């Protein structure tokens, strides 16, 4: 009868641990303790055999199902959401940014603060790509060529002029 309560305690404790860690390890101990719980309820199986069954079942479950289950449960964890979905998109600078000045870009009708990657200088109307989101600022880098239509003007973005054309 004592082993019955021990297996109930193992099941409850492993569920509590799984809820707080979410590492998909102790849940297999929960399932591994169910068979020894049933064996203990019969009162005919030695505690040592129950313990061996617990370790064998738990080990088999961890080795065979943990990776598959984790992959299934976390399949959408790598998808970009919210502001991180903007990373890689290109926009036109509304205001110049440099080491001391914070510039701005307009995204979906909302003006956001923008700083150059490594605080590089980026001029107004330059085309930039968002490389990171830092707090309430977009970290951007200047790009030379853009193929996507811009939100701020009706004309498509043009390839930036080469150094010879600017002279």
Foldseek 3Di string as FASTA:
>chain_A
DVQLVVLVVLLVVLVVVCVVPVQQQSNLLNVLSPVLNVVVVVVPDDVVVSVVSSVVSSVCCCVPPNVVVVCVVCVCVPPDDDPSVQAFPKAFWQAKWAQPDWTWTADPNDIFTEAEDVRHIDHGRFMWGFHDCDPRYTYIYGDQDDDDAYDPDPDRDHGDDDPVVVD
